[in-house]
N, C-alpha and C. Protein backbone atom coordinates (compact mmCIF):
# COMPACT_ATOMS: atom_id res chain seq x y z
N UNK A 1 163.50 -78.26 20.89
CA UNK A 1 164.40 -79.09 20.02
C UNK A 1 164.61 -80.34 20.61
N UNK A 2 164.74 -80.74 21.83
CA UNK A 2 164.81 -82.00 22.62
C UNK A 2 163.50 -82.54 22.27
N UNK A 3 162.40 -82.03 22.22
CA UNK A 3 161.26 -82.70 22.19
C UNK A 3 161.18 -83.39 20.62
N UNK A 4 161.70 -82.87 19.73
CA UNK A 4 161.46 -83.15 18.37
C UNK A 4 162.67 -84.53 18.38
N UNK A 5 163.65 -84.55 18.81
CA UNK A 5 164.35 -85.71 19.01
C UNK A 5 164.14 -86.65 19.83
N UNK A 6 163.29 -86.42 20.69
CA UNK A 6 162.70 -87.55 21.54
C UNK A 6 161.59 -88.19 20.89
N UNK A 7 160.68 -87.43 20.43
CA UNK A 7 159.35 -88.30 19.69
C UNK A 7 159.78 -88.59 18.26
N UNK A 8 160.87 -88.23 17.73
CA UNK A 8 161.29 -88.85 16.51
C UNK A 8 161.69 -89.88 16.38
N UNK A 9 162.20 -90.69 17.82
CA UNK A 9 162.61 -92.00 17.58
C UNK A 9 161.17 -93.09 17.74
N UNK A 10 159.90 -92.44 17.89
CA UNK A 10 159.01 -93.30 17.91
C UNK A 10 158.44 -93.50 16.42
N UNK A 11 158.88 -92.80 15.66
CA UNK A 11 158.59 -93.05 14.54
C UNK A 11 159.44 -94.01 13.42
N UNK A 12 159.07 -95.32 13.26
CA UNK A 12 160.00 -96.41 13.02
C UNK A 12 158.92 -96.86 11.73
N UNK A 13 159.85 -96.71 10.66
CA UNK A 13 159.30 -97.41 9.15
C UNK A 13 160.04 -98.38 8.94
N UNK A 14 159.84 -99.94 9.20
CA UNK A 14 160.69 -100.89 8.77
C UNK A 14 161.05 -101.10 7.15
N UNK A 15 161.94 -101.34 6.80
CA UNK A 15 162.42 -101.75 5.58
C UNK A 15 161.53 -102.92 4.99
N UNK A 16 161.37 -103.95 5.78
CA UNK A 16 160.68 -105.08 5.44
C UNK A 16 159.31 -104.72 5.73
N UNK A 17 158.30 -104.73 4.89
CA UNK A 17 156.84 -104.47 5.00
C UNK A 17 156.47 -105.41 5.62
N UNK A 18 156.76 -106.66 5.59
CA UNK A 18 155.84 -107.92 6.48
C UNK A 18 155.84 -107.60 7.99
N UNK A 19 156.19 -106.65 8.40
CA UNK A 19 156.45 -106.24 9.83
C UNK A 19 154.88 -105.49 10.03
N UNK A 20 154.35 -105.35 9.16
CA UNK A 20 152.88 -104.51 9.07
C UNK A 20 151.84 -105.59 9.31
N UNK A 21 152.39 -106.95 8.83
CA UNK A 21 151.16 -107.58 8.92
C UNK A 21 150.55 -107.79 10.39
N UNK A 22 151.28 -108.07 11.57
CA UNK A 22 150.62 -108.41 12.79
C UNK A 22 149.73 -107.14 12.95
N UNK A 23 150.24 -106.06 12.87
CA UNK A 23 149.30 -104.89 12.91
C UNK A 23 148.22 -104.69 12.03
N UNK A 24 148.20 -105.07 10.73
CA UNK A 24 146.84 -105.23 10.19
C UNK A 24 146.04 -106.27 10.66
N UNK A 25 146.53 -107.51 11.02
CA UNK A 25 145.80 -108.59 11.60
C UNK A 25 145.03 -108.09 12.68
N UNK A 26 145.83 -107.39 13.78
CA UNK A 26 145.17 -106.94 15.09
C UNK A 26 144.28 -106.02 14.65
N UNK A 27 144.55 -104.87 13.71
CA UNK A 27 143.61 -103.84 13.34
C UNK A 27 142.11 -104.49 12.90
N UNK A 28 142.18 -105.47 11.70
CA UNK A 28 141.02 -105.76 11.39
C UNK A 28 140.52 -106.55 12.53
N UNK A 29 140.99 -107.39 13.44
CA UNK A 29 140.32 -108.15 14.57
C UNK A 29 139.43 -107.02 15.50
N UNK A 30 140.41 -106.02 15.81
CA UNK A 30 139.67 -105.30 16.62
C UNK A 30 138.46 -104.38 15.98
N UNK A 31 138.42 -104.12 14.61
CA UNK A 31 137.44 -103.45 13.99
C UNK A 31 136.39 -104.33 14.25
N UNK A 32 136.57 -105.64 13.74
CA UNK A 32 135.46 -106.73 13.93
C UNK A 32 134.86 -106.98 15.29
N UNK A 33 135.49 -107.02 16.08
CA UNK A 33 135.20 -107.07 17.70
C UNK A 33 134.36 -105.72 18.04
N UNK A 34 134.75 -104.52 17.55
CA UNK A 34 134.00 -103.30 17.77
C UNK A 34 132.44 -103.47 17.05
N UNK A 35 132.73 -103.99 15.94
CA UNK A 35 131.23 -103.99 15.31
C UNK A 35 130.26 -104.92 16.05
N UNK A 36 130.92 -106.06 16.35
CA UNK A 36 130.31 -106.98 17.09
C UNK A 36 129.57 -106.49 18.32
N UNK A 37 130.44 -105.64 19.19
CA UNK A 37 130.04 -104.85 20.40
C UNK A 37 128.90 -104.21 20.17
N UNK A 38 129.08 -103.32 19.05
CA UNK A 38 128.15 -102.33 18.68
C UNK A 38 126.72 -102.94 18.49
N UNK A 39 126.76 -104.01 17.56
CA UNK A 39 125.52 -104.66 17.13
C UNK A 39 124.68 -105.12 18.40
N UNK A 40 125.81 -105.85 19.42
CA UNK A 40 125.20 -106.55 20.54
C UNK A 40 124.39 -105.53 21.35
N UNK A 41 125.18 -104.35 21.58
CA UNK A 41 124.38 -102.98 22.44
C UNK A 41 123.30 -102.96 21.61
N UNK A 42 123.21 -102.62 20.23
CA UNK A 42 122.16 -102.12 19.61
C UNK A 42 120.91 -103.38 19.93
N UNK A 43 121.03 -104.36 19.76
CA UNK A 43 120.17 -105.47 20.00
C UNK A 43 119.52 -105.23 21.23
N UNK A 44 120.50 -105.19 22.46
CA UNK A 44 120.21 -105.31 23.89
C UNK A 44 119.15 -104.06 24.03
N UNK A 45 119.70 -102.89 23.09
CA UNK A 45 118.80 -101.80 23.57
C UNK A 45 117.48 -101.83 23.28
N UNK A 46 117.53 -102.69 21.89
CA UNK A 46 115.98 -102.66 21.03
C UNK A 46 114.92 -103.43 22.30
N UNK A 47 115.62 -104.59 22.75
CA UNK A 47 114.81 -105.39 23.64
C UNK A 47 114.25 -104.85 24.91
N UNK A 48 115.23 -103.94 25.64
CA UNK A 48 114.99 -102.86 26.34
C UNK A 48 113.90 -102.09 26.23
N UNK A 49 114.07 -101.65 24.96
CA UNK A 49 112.99 -100.51 24.50
C UNK A 49 111.39 -101.38 24.43
N UNK A 50 111.88 -102.57 23.99
CA UNK A 50 110.43 -103.37 23.86
C UNK A 50 109.62 -103.50 25.09
N UNK A 51 110.49 -103.87 25.92
CA UNK A 51 109.94 -104.27 27.44
C UNK A 51 109.45 -102.81 28.19
N UNK A 52 110.17 -101.90 27.96
CA UNK A 52 109.89 -100.62 28.36
C UNK A 52 108.58 -100.10 27.81
N UNK A 53 108.20 -100.21 26.59
CA UNK A 53 106.70 -100.13 25.94
C UNK A 53 105.87 -101.10 26.36
N UNK A 54 106.04 -102.17 26.59
CA UNK A 54 105.21 -103.10 27.13
C UNK A 54 104.89 -102.89 28.80
N UNK A 55 105.71 -102.25 29.33
CA UNK A 55 105.63 -101.89 30.85
C UNK A 55 104.47 -100.61 30.81
N UNK A 56 104.90 -99.75 29.91
CA UNK A 56 104.25 -98.51 29.64
C UNK A 56 102.69 -98.94 29.57
N UNK A 57 102.40 -99.43 28.44
CA UNK A 57 101.08 -100.06 28.03
C UNK A 57 100.49 -100.72 29.18
N UNK A 58 101.10 -101.54 29.95
CA UNK A 58 100.30 -102.11 31.03
C UNK A 58 99.82 -100.93 32.19
N UNK A 59 100.76 -100.31 32.58
CA UNK A 59 100.64 -98.86 33.32
C UNK A 59 99.56 -98.19 32.67
N UNK A 60 99.44 -97.80 31.67
CA UNK A 60 98.30 -96.82 31.11
C UNK A 60 97.07 -97.69 30.98
N UNK A 61 97.04 -99.05 30.87
CA UNK A 61 95.98 -99.72 31.16
C UNK A 61 95.31 -99.80 32.30
N UNK A 62 96.31 -99.76 33.25
CA UNK A 62 95.74 -99.82 34.58
C UNK A 62 95.30 -98.64 35.43
N UNK A 63 95.95 -97.46 34.81
CA UNK A 63 95.21 -96.16 35.10
C UNK A 63 94.00 -95.90 34.52
N UNK A 64 94.07 -96.48 33.32
CA UNK A 64 92.43 -96.24 32.64
C UNK A 64 91.31 -97.01 33.46
N UNK A 65 91.82 -98.22 34.09
CA UNK A 65 90.76 -99.18 34.58
C UNK A 65 90.58 -98.43 36.19
N UNK A 66 91.50 -97.50 36.51
CA UNK A 66 91.25 -96.93 37.94
C UNK A 66 90.37 -95.73 37.45
N UNK A 67 90.59 -94.79 36.25
CA UNK A 67 89.81 -94.04 36.05
C UNK A 67 88.21 -94.27 35.98
N UNK A 68 88.04 -95.50 35.20
CA UNK A 68 86.68 -96.06 35.01
C UNK A 68 86.09 -96.36 36.29
N UNK A 69 87.03 -97.01 37.14
CA UNK A 69 86.41 -97.24 38.38
C UNK A 69 85.80 -96.02 39.53
N UNK A 70 86.71 -94.99 39.14
CA UNK A 70 86.32 -93.69 40.02
C UNK A 70 85.01 -93.05 39.24
N UNK A 71 85.01 -93.09 38.10
CA UNK A 71 83.92 -92.37 37.32
C UNK A 71 82.67 -93.17 37.66
N UNK A 72 82.61 -94.65 37.78
CA UNK A 72 81.45 -95.49 38.01
C UNK A 72 81.17 -95.12 39.41
N UNK A 73 81.93 -94.85 40.29
CA UNK A 73 81.60 -94.67 41.97
C UNK A 73 80.79 -93.27 41.98
N UNK A 74 81.04 -92.57 40.98
CA UNK A 74 80.59 -91.20 41.17
C UNK A 74 79.28 -90.94 40.80
């Protein structure tokens, strides 16, 4: 029973609804910030993926050259 009284004080609904404006502004700002971070991470991930593909292609080309050298030597 004491828990209900303790947590009941955290629920505060003001009569003046203009008190919600700062919370709404902050919520919009945080959502926009989250979207910006999401797209930045997505773009960074895409760049890293392209670099990794280029590195993989280079390594595969070098391996093919080494195989050709070994087959020519035999």
